[in-house]
């Protein structure tokens, strides 16, 4: 016969750490994103850094209207990441949306859900990456349609380095962008690199470009900046991480 056992409150004194993990990164991604969380998990050390993600509704194809529609969704998504707890930084993982919405607007949406939290977007992080690398001229490869690609090129041209060459792959569904092979990414990246450019930028957080950076840099002999790499680099700087990151480009030497 089973015995009836009741629980007794332990007499061991309870101690609590200030946090389960030292640093916290909040991350908002599109519902259709296959790539961004994986890149954060590759680069961020889970022993010291917690990456807490939430997703927002997104409708393909990648049009200006669909990208603009993501803005109002950011506030609730941000607020639902560890509600009422302080985050060290919050990132929105969509390059094209940050360009179309504008980084100031993205910050306002995010901070409405997570007040007084530094925010990062791929486009703002890329601009800082170019400065860190001393890149005054860049080549750009995007996977987008020509219309969205032109918006990204115009953004960088007006906010930072001179864009000397821009290529796009003409894919307007981020689920298909995530399926582009590493071979395609590497070859298209090398083909997009202008000899006069100081660095190459690969746009789109859905593109599996971070894992290709070292091979592309070896081919072109110049630094490579990608959306996710730059965003993660900027988040790590914001939280004061000093651990070396190897295998994801020259940017992490800065």
Protein backbone atom coordinates (compact mmCIF):
# COMPACT_ATOMS: atom_id res chain seq x y z
CA UNK A 1 0.00 0.00 0.00
CA UNK A 2 1.39 3.48 -0.89
CA UNK A 3 2.19 5.64 2.09
CA UNK A 4 0.72 9.10 2.46
CA UNK A 5 3.69 11.48 2.47
CA UNK A 6 3.36 15.20 2.98
CA UNK A 7 6.02 17.76 2.15
CA UNK A 8 7.99 19.44 4.90
CA UNK A 9 9.44 22.91 4.34
CA UNK A 10 13.22 22.57 4.27
CA UNK A 11 15.17 24.09 7.13
CA UNK A 12 18.04 24.99 4.76
CA UNK A 13 18.36 28.80 4.57
CA UNK A 14 17.46 30.11 1.14
CA UNK A 15 19.96 32.26 -0.73
CA UNK A 16 19.16 33.97 -4.01
CA UNK A 17 21.43 35.36 -6.68
CA UNK A 18 20.71 38.81 -8.03
CA UNK A 19 20.00 37.23 -11.44
CA UNK A 20 19.99 33.72 -12.91
CA UNK A 21 22.56 35.01 -15.46
CA UNK A 22 24.76 38.10 -15.26
CA UNK A 23 23.66 39.92 -18.43
CA UNK A 24 20.35 40.00 -20.28
CA UNK A 25 19.74 40.68 -23.95
CA UNK A 26 16.14 41.06 -25.12
CA UNK A 27 15.58 40.21 -28.76
CA UNK A 28 12.51 40.81 -30.93
CA UNK A 29 12.40 38.90 -34.22
CA UNK A 30 9.90 38.35 -36.99
CA UNK A 31 7.58 35.36 -36.66
CA UNK A 32 9.05 33.97 -39.86
CA UNK A 33 12.73 34.34 -38.84
CA UNK A 34 14.85 31.17 -39.07
CA UNK A 35 18.28 32.62 -38.40
CA UNK A 36 18.72 35.40 -35.83
CA UNK A 37 18.28 33.39 -32.63
CA UNK A 38 20.71 30.77 -33.91
CA UNK A 39 23.38 33.39 -34.58
CA UNK A 40 22.97 34.85 -31.08
CA UNK A 41 23.30 31.37 -29.59
CA UNK A 42 26.47 30.73 -31.62
CA UNK A 43 28.22 33.88 -30.47
CA UNK A 44 26.89 34.69 -26.99
CA UNK A 45 28.22 32.62 -24.07
CA UNK A 46 25.18 31.28 -22.16
CA UNK A 47 27.24 31.03 -18.99
CA UNK A 48 27.27 34.83 -18.77
CA UNK A 49 24.62 36.08 -21.18
CA UNK A 50 20.94 35.26 -21.39
CA UNK A 51 19.27 36.00 -24.74
CA UNK A 52 15.50 36.22 -24.32
CA UNK A 53 13.54 36.37 -27.57
CA UNK A 54 9.99 37.17 -28.57
CA UNK A 55 8.38 37.14 -32.00
CA UNK A 56 6.01 39.51 -33.78
CA UNK A 57 3.55 38.86 -36.56
CA UNK A 58 4.94 39.47 -40.03
CA UNK A 59 3.44 39.01 -43.46
CA UNK A 60 5.51 38.31 -46.54
CA UNK A 61 6.45 39.55 -49.10
CA UNK A 62 8.99 42.11 -47.96
CA UNK A 63 7.22 45.29 -49.02
CA UNK A 64 7.47 48.73 -47.46
CA UNK A 65 3.91 48.40 -46.16
CA UNK A 66 4.55 45.04 -44.49
CA UNK A 67 7.77 46.30 -42.94
CA UNK A 68 6.11 49.46 -41.60
CA UNK A 69 3.37 47.33 -40.03
CA UNK A 70 5.89 45.70 -37.69
CA UNK A 71 6.54 48.93 -35.80
CA UNK A 72 3.47 49.08 -33.54
CA UNK A 73 3.91 45.38 -32.71
CA UNK A 74 7.30 45.96 -31.11
CA UNK A 75 6.00 47.51 -27.90
CA UNK A 76 3.96 44.57 -26.65
CA UNK A 77 6.59 42.09 -27.79
CA UNK A 78 9.27 43.97 -25.84
CA UNK A 79 7.09 44.24 -22.72
CA UNK A 80 6.46 40.48 -22.72
CA UNK A 81 10.16 39.63 -22.49
CA UNK A 82 10.68 38.98 -18.77
CA UNK A 83 7.86 41.38 -17.86
CA UNK A 84 8.76 44.13 -15.39
CA UNK A 85 12.38 42.98 -15.23
CA UNK A 86 15.30 45.12 -16.35
CA UNK A 87 17.13 44.18 -19.54
CA UNK A 88 20.64 45.38 -20.33
CA UNK A 89 19.90 45.93 -24.02
CA UNK A 90 17.08 45.21 -26.46
CA UNK A 91 17.50 44.48 -30.17
CA UNK A 92 15.08 44.35 -33.07
CA UNK A 93 16.24 41.81 -35.62
CA UNK A 94 15.08 43.17 -38.96
CA UNK A 95 17.42 45.28 -41.07
CA UNK A 96 14.94 46.37 -43.72
CA UNK A 97 12.28 47.29 -41.16
CA UNK A 98 14.76 49.38 -39.16
CA UNK A 99 15.62 51.26 -42.35
CA UNK A 100 12.01 51.80 -43.42
CA UNK A 101 10.75 52.69 -39.93
CA UNK A 102 13.81 54.67 -38.94
CA UNK A 103 15.94 53.76 -35.95
CA UNK A 104 14.53 56.52 -33.74
CA UNK A 105 11.01 55.19 -34.29
CA UNK A 106 12.15 51.64 -33.55
CA UNK A 107 13.68 52.84 -30.29
CA UNK A 108 10.47 54.60 -29.29
CA UNK A 109 8.41 51.47 -29.91
CA UNK A 110 10.84 49.26 -27.99
CA UNK A 111 11.24 51.64 -25.07
CA UNK A 112 7.49 51.96 -24.70
CA UNK A 113 7.62 48.28 -23.70
CA UNK A 114 11.03 48.30 -22.01
CA UNK A 115 11.62 51.82 -20.68
CA UNK A 116 15.13 53.21 -20.30
CA UNK A 117 16.72 50.25 -22.12
CA UNK A 118 19.46 50.83 -24.71
CA UNK A 119 18.31 49.55 -28.10
CA UNK A 120 20.14 48.13 -31.09
CA UNK A 121 19.08 47.54 -34.68
CA UNK A 122 21.06 45.87 -37.46
CA UNK A 123 21.30 49.08 -39.47
CA UNK A 124 22.48 51.26 -36.57
CA UNK A 125 24.93 48.54 -35.51
CA UNK A 126 26.29 48.27 -39.04
CA UNK A 127 26.98 52.01 -39.14
CA UNK A 128 28.95 51.72 -35.90
CA UNK A 129 30.77 48.70 -37.29
CA UNK A 130 31.88 50.64 -40.37
CA UNK A 131 33.24 53.39 -38.12
CA UNK A 132 35.09 50.86 -35.96
CA UNK A 133 36.63 49.30 -39.06
CA UNK A 134 37.49 52.66 -40.61
CA UNK A 135 35.42 51.79 -43.69
CA UNK A 136 34.70 54.91 -45.76
CA UNK A 137 33.59 53.04 -48.85
CA UNK A 138 31.52 49.87 -48.82
CA UNK A 139 30.02 47.33 -51.15
CA UNK A 140 26.57 45.97 -50.31
CA UNK A 141 24.86 42.67 -51.00
CA UNK A 142 21.22 42.20 -50.07
CA UNK A 143 18.94 39.24 -50.69
CA UNK A 144 15.92 41.55 -51.19
CA UNK A 145 13.98 42.77 -54.17
CA UNK A 146 15.58 45.72 -55.93
CA UNK A 147 13.06 48.13 -54.37
CA UNK A 148 13.87 47.22 -50.76
CA UNK A 149 17.56 46.86 -51.56
CA UNK A 150 17.62 50.42 -52.93
CA UNK A 151 16.07 51.67 -49.67
CA UNK A 152 18.85 49.99 -47.67
CA UNK A 153 21.54 51.39 -49.96
CA UNK A 154 20.03 54.89 -49.73
CA UNK A 155 19.99 54.64 -45.93
CA UNK A 156 23.68 53.79 -45.68
CA UNK A 157 24.63 56.33 -48.34
CA UNK A 158 22.91 59.11 -46.40
CA UNK A 159 24.09 58.10 -42.91
CA UNK A 160 27.60 56.83 -43.30
CA UNK A 161 30.07 55.45 -45.82
CA UNK A 162 29.90 55.81 -49.57
CA UNK A 163 28.29 52.80 -51.26
CA UNK A 164 30.42 52.04 -54.31
CA UNK A 165 28.62 48.89 -55.45
CA UNK A 166 25.29 47.28 -54.57
CA UNK A 167 23.97 43.90 -55.67
CA UNK A 168 20.72 42.16 -54.73
CA UNK A 169 19.40 38.62 -55.17
CA UNK A 170 15.76 39.52 -55.80
CA UNK A 171 14.18 37.36 -53.08
CA UNK A 172 11.23 39.00 -51.29
CA UNK A 173 10.22 36.27 -48.81
CA UNK A 174 12.37 35.96 -45.68
CA UNK A 175 11.58 32.25 -45.39
CA UNK A 176 13.23 31.75 -48.78
CA UNK A 177 16.07 34.10 -47.84
CA UNK A 178 16.85 31.74 -44.95
CA UNK A 179 17.13 28.86 -47.44
CA UNK A 180 19.79 30.51 -49.59
CA UNK A 181 22.79 28.18 -49.53
CA UNK A 182 26.16 29.08 -48.08
CA UNK A 183 27.62 28.60 -51.56
CA UNK A 184 25.21 31.19 -52.96
CA UNK A 185 25.93 33.64 -50.15
CA UNK A 186 29.72 33.32 -50.48
CA UNK A 187 29.84 33.54 -54.26
CA UNK A 188 27.35 36.42 -54.43
CA UNK A 189 29.24 38.25 -51.70
CA UNK A 190 32.57 37.94 -53.48
CA UNK A 191 30.97 39.06 -56.74
CA UNK A 192 29.53 42.14 -55.01
CA UNK A 193 32.86 43.30 -53.62
CA UNK A 194 34.25 46.36 -55.39
CA UNK A 195 38.07 46.62 -55.36
CA UNK A 196 37.79 50.22 -54.09
CA UNK A 197 35.56 49.29 -51.13
CA UNK A 198 37.01 49.12 -47.62
CA UNK A 199 34.43 46.59 -46.41
CA UNK A 200 31.50 44.47 -47.56
CA UNK A 201 28.06 44.59 -45.95
CA UNK A 202 25.68 41.63 -46.19
CA UNK A 203 22.20 42.78 -45.24
CA UNK A 204 19.28 40.84 -43.69
CA UNK A 205 19.02 39.06 -40.37
CA UNK A 206 17.37 36.10 -42.09
CA UNK A 207 20.40 35.50 -44.31
CA UNK A 208 22.69 32.75 -43.02
CA UNK A 209 25.70 35.00 -43.56
CA UNK A 210 27.38 35.00 -40.15
CA UNK A 211 28.68 31.46 -40.62
CA UNK A 212 30.18 32.50 -43.98
CA UNK A 213 32.09 35.57 -42.81
CA UNK A 214 35.51 33.99 -42.30
CA UNK A 215 35.46 32.32 -45.71
CA UNK A 216 34.38 35.51 -47.47
CA UNK A 217 37.01 37.61 -45.69
CA UNK A 218 39.65 35.08 -46.74
CA UNK A 219 38.54 35.44 -50.35
CA UNK A 220 38.23 39.22 -50.60
CA UNK A 221 40.91 40.27 -48.12
CA UNK A 222 38.63 42.91 -46.59
CA UNK A 223 36.36 43.03 -43.51
CA UNK A 224 32.84 41.66 -43.81
CA UNK A 225 29.93 43.06 -41.82
CA UNK A 226 26.62 41.22 -41.64
CA UNK A 227 23.34 42.25 -40.05
CA UNK A 228 23.37 39.69 -37.25
CA UNK A 229 27.10 39.88 -36.62
CA UNK A 230 26.97 43.67 -36.27
CA UNK A 231 23.86 43.56 -34.09
CA UNK A 232 25.40 40.97 -31.75
CA UNK A 233 28.73 42.85 -31.67
CA UNK A 234 26.92 46.03 -30.67
CA UNK A 235 24.86 44.23 -28.00
CA UNK A 236 28.02 42.72 -26.51
CA UNK A 237 29.65 46.16 -26.39
CA UNK A 238 26.56 47.57 -24.69
CA UNK A 239 26.64 44.96 -21.92
CA UNK A 240 30.41 45.29 -21.48
CA UNK A 241 31.34 41.78 -22.58
CA UNK A 242 35.09 41.37 -23.01
CA UNK A 243 35.27 37.70 -23.96
CA UNK A 244 36.97 37.14 -27.33
CA UNK A 245 34.80 36.04 -30.24
CA UNK A 246 36.62 34.01 -32.84
CA UNK A 247 35.45 32.92 -36.28
CA UNK A 248 32.91 35.64 -37.00
CA UNK A 249 34.99 38.27 -38.68
CA UNK A 250 37.50 41.03 -38.10
CA UNK A 251 34.82 43.20 -36.52
CA UNK A 252 35.12 41.32 -33.23
CA UNK A 253 38.73 42.46 -32.95
CA UNK A 254 37.36 45.96 -32.24
